[in-house]
Amino acid sequence: MPAFHLAFHVTDLDKSRMFYGDILGCQEGRSAETWVDFDFFGNQISLHLGTPFPVTKSGKVGKHDVPMPHFGAVLPMPQWRDLLVRLEDQTIEFEIPPQIRFAGEPGEQATMFFYDPSGNPIEIKGFHDESGVFAS
């Protein structure tokens, strides 16, 4: 799949660099005084100093009200599990704990929701079979 680009606000570049670089393991790219780019699991995110977008728990998925808007990544299951271990080792608090969604159905996926230090919600999905990403 082609990569996407997402630019959004953060309140502190140093905390964001630690979170995206050290905790999530994303490689830092170009930067300036007021922004920094990261390779976010094969996609480009640009973090700019400013006021993050307002978030509400208004997305209904299964039994959960998920934070909206949110962004994230779709990973192969082994990489999802490795990231989960890294997040647990760093005692990251989950908004929606790691779990399997749509078990036994087309599109079965692992998912977890958490926030970056600026309150931006992130969902990371894991799939055993990437053909399930767009299953209906």
Protein backbone atom coordinates (compact mmCIF):
# COMPACT_ATOMS: atom_id res chain seq x y z
CA MET A 1 0.00 0.00 0.00
CA PRO A 2 1.19 3.56 -0.62
CA ALA A 3 2.24 5.59 2.39
CA PHE A 4 0.12 8.40 3.78
CA HIS A 5 1.11 11.76 5.29
CA LEU A 6 -0.56 13.22 8.35
CA ALA A 7 0.32 16.54 10.01
CA PHE A 8 -1.10 17.42 13.42
CA HIS A 9 -0.43 19.53 16.50
CA VAL A 10 1.48 18.60 19.62
CA THR A 11 2.13 20.69 22.70
CA ASP A 12 5.79 19.75 23.32
CA LEU A 13 8.30 18.61 20.71
CA ASP A 14 10.75 17.12 23.24
CA LYS A 15 8.07 14.93 24.87
CA SER A 16 6.76 14.01 21.42
CA ARG A 17 10.25 13.04 20.22
CA MET A 18 10.65 10.76 23.23
CA PHE A 19 7.22 9.19 22.77
CA TYR A 20 7.30 8.62 19.00
CA GLY A 21 11.03 7.88 18.82
CA ASP A 22 11.93 6.07 22.03
CA ILE A 23 8.62 4.47 23.02
CA LEU A 24 6.99 3.72 19.65
CA GLY A 25 10.33 3.15 17.91
CA CYS A 26 9.66 5.52 14.99
CA GLN A 27 12.63 6.99 13.13
CA GLU A 28 12.91 10.76 13.23
CA GLY A 29 13.23 12.58 9.92
CA ARG A 30 13.53 16.26 9.09
CA SER A 31 12.76 18.90 11.67
CA ALA A 32 12.76 22.61 12.36
CA GLU A 33 12.21 24.71 15.46
CA THR A 34 8.43 24.19 15.42
CA TRP A 35 7.96 20.75 13.81
CA VAL A 36 9.42 17.27 13.39
CA ASP A 37 8.72 14.40 10.96
CA PHE A 38 8.65 10.71 11.86
CA ASP A 39 8.45 7.47 9.91
CA PHE A 40 5.28 6.16 11.57
CA PHE A 41 5.35 2.47 10.59
CA GLY A 42 6.05 3.30 6.94
CA ASN A 43 4.00 6.50 6.84
CA GLN A 44 5.03 10.11 7.34
CA ILE A 45 3.68 12.07 10.27
CA SER A 46 4.57 15.71 10.90
CA LEU A 47 4.21 16.99 14.45
CA HIS A 48 3.76 20.77 14.63
CA LEU A 49 3.66 22.86 17.79
CA GLY A 50 0.12 24.04 18.45
CA THR A 51 -3.20 23.11 20.00
CA PRO A 52 -4.20 19.48 19.32
CA PHE A 53 -7.56 18.78 17.71
CA PRO A 54 -10.54 18.30 20.05
CA VAL A 55 -11.29 14.65 20.82
CA THR A 56 -14.58 13.03 21.82
CA LYS A 57 -15.41 9.39 22.47
CA SER A 58 -18.03 9.42 19.73
CA GLY A 59 -17.08 6.57 17.41
CA LYS A 60 -19.06 3.40 18.17
CA VAL A 61 -17.18 0.20 17.26
CA GLY A 62 -18.63 -2.96 18.77
CA LYS A 63 -19.10 -2.32 22.47
CA HIS A 64 -16.61 0.57 22.61
CA ASP A 65 -16.92 4.32 22.21
CA VAL A 66 -13.65 5.11 20.49
CA PRO A 67 -11.86 8.48 20.52
CA MET A 68 -12.59 10.56 17.43
CA PRO A 69 -10.75 11.61 15.44
CA HIS A 70 -7.84 9.21 15.78
CA PHE A 71 -5.07 7.84 13.60
CA GLY A 72 -2.88 4.79 13.73
CA ALA A 73 -1.21 1.96 11.91
CA VAL A 74 -2.07 -1.50 10.65
CA LEU A 75 0.71 -3.97 11.48
CA PRO A 76 1.41 -7.65 10.93
CA MET A 77 0.53 -9.52 14.12
CA PRO A 78 4.15 -10.23 15.20
CA GLN A 79 5.02 -6.51 14.95
CA TRP A 80 1.77 -5.61 16.81
CA ARG A 81 2.74 -7.97 19.65
CA ASP A 82 6.28 -6.55 19.83
CA LEU A 83 4.88 -3.02 20.08
CA LEU A 84 2.42 -4.13 22.77
CA VAL A 85 5.31 -5.47 24.87
CA ARG A 86 7.23 -2.19 24.41
CA LEU A 87 4.16 -0.16 25.46
CA GLU A 88 3.54 -2.36 28.50
CA ASP A 89 7.22 -2.11 29.49
CA GLN A 90 6.85 1.70 29.38
CA THR A 91 3.60 1.46 31.41
CA ILE A 92 1.60 3.26 28.73
CA GLU A 93 -2.02 3.65 29.84
CA PHE A 94 -4.50 2.22 27.34
CA GLU A 95 -7.76 3.99 26.55
CA ILE A 96 -9.03 0.70 25.12
CA PRO A 97 -6.92 -2.25 26.27
CA PRO A 98 -5.33 -4.62 23.76
CA GLN A 99 -7.89 -7.12 22.51
CA ILE A 100 -9.16 -9.11 19.55
CA ARG A 101 -12.05 -7.52 17.68
CA PHE A 102 -14.37 -9.42 15.29
CA ALA A 103 -13.01 -12.80 16.44
CA GLY A 104 -13.72 -15.56 13.94
CA GLU A 105 -15.18 -13.08 11.43
CA PRO A 106 -13.75 -11.57 8.24
CA GLY A 107 -11.49 -8.75 9.32
CA GLU A 108 -10.53 -10.28 12.69
CA GLN A 109 -7.98 -7.93 14.22
CA ALA A 110 -6.06 -7.09 17.33
CA THR A 111 -6.48 -3.49 18.45
CA MET A 112 -5.32 -1.11 21.15
CA PHE A 113 -5.93 2.59 21.79
CA PHE A 114 -3.69 5.00 23.69
CA TYR A 115 -2.79 8.69 23.66
CA ASP A 116 0.42 10.51 22.86
CA PRO A 117 1.69 13.07 25.43
CA SER A 118 -0.41 15.81 23.78
CA GLY A 119 -3.65 13.82 24.01
CA ASN A 120 -3.77 12.70 20.36
CA PRO A 121 -5.50 9.29 20.20
CA ILE A 122 -3.71 6.46 18.42
CA GLU A 123 -5.10 3.06 17.40
CA ILE A 124 -2.74 0.26 16.44
CA LYS A 125 -4.28 -2.72 14.68
CA GLY A 126 -2.72 -6.12 14.10
CA PHE A 127 -3.70 -8.67 11.47
CA HIS A 128 -2.65 -12.27 10.92
CA ASP A 129 -3.71 -11.89 7.29
CA GLU A 130 -3.43 -8.48 5.67
CA SER A 131 -6.25 -9.34 3.26
CA GLY A 132 -8.56 -8.89 6.26
CA VAL A 133 -7.83 -5.15 6.45
CA PHE A 134 -10.60 -4.36 3.97
CA ALA A 135 -12.82 -7.40 4.65
CA SER A 136 -16.53 -6.79 4.62
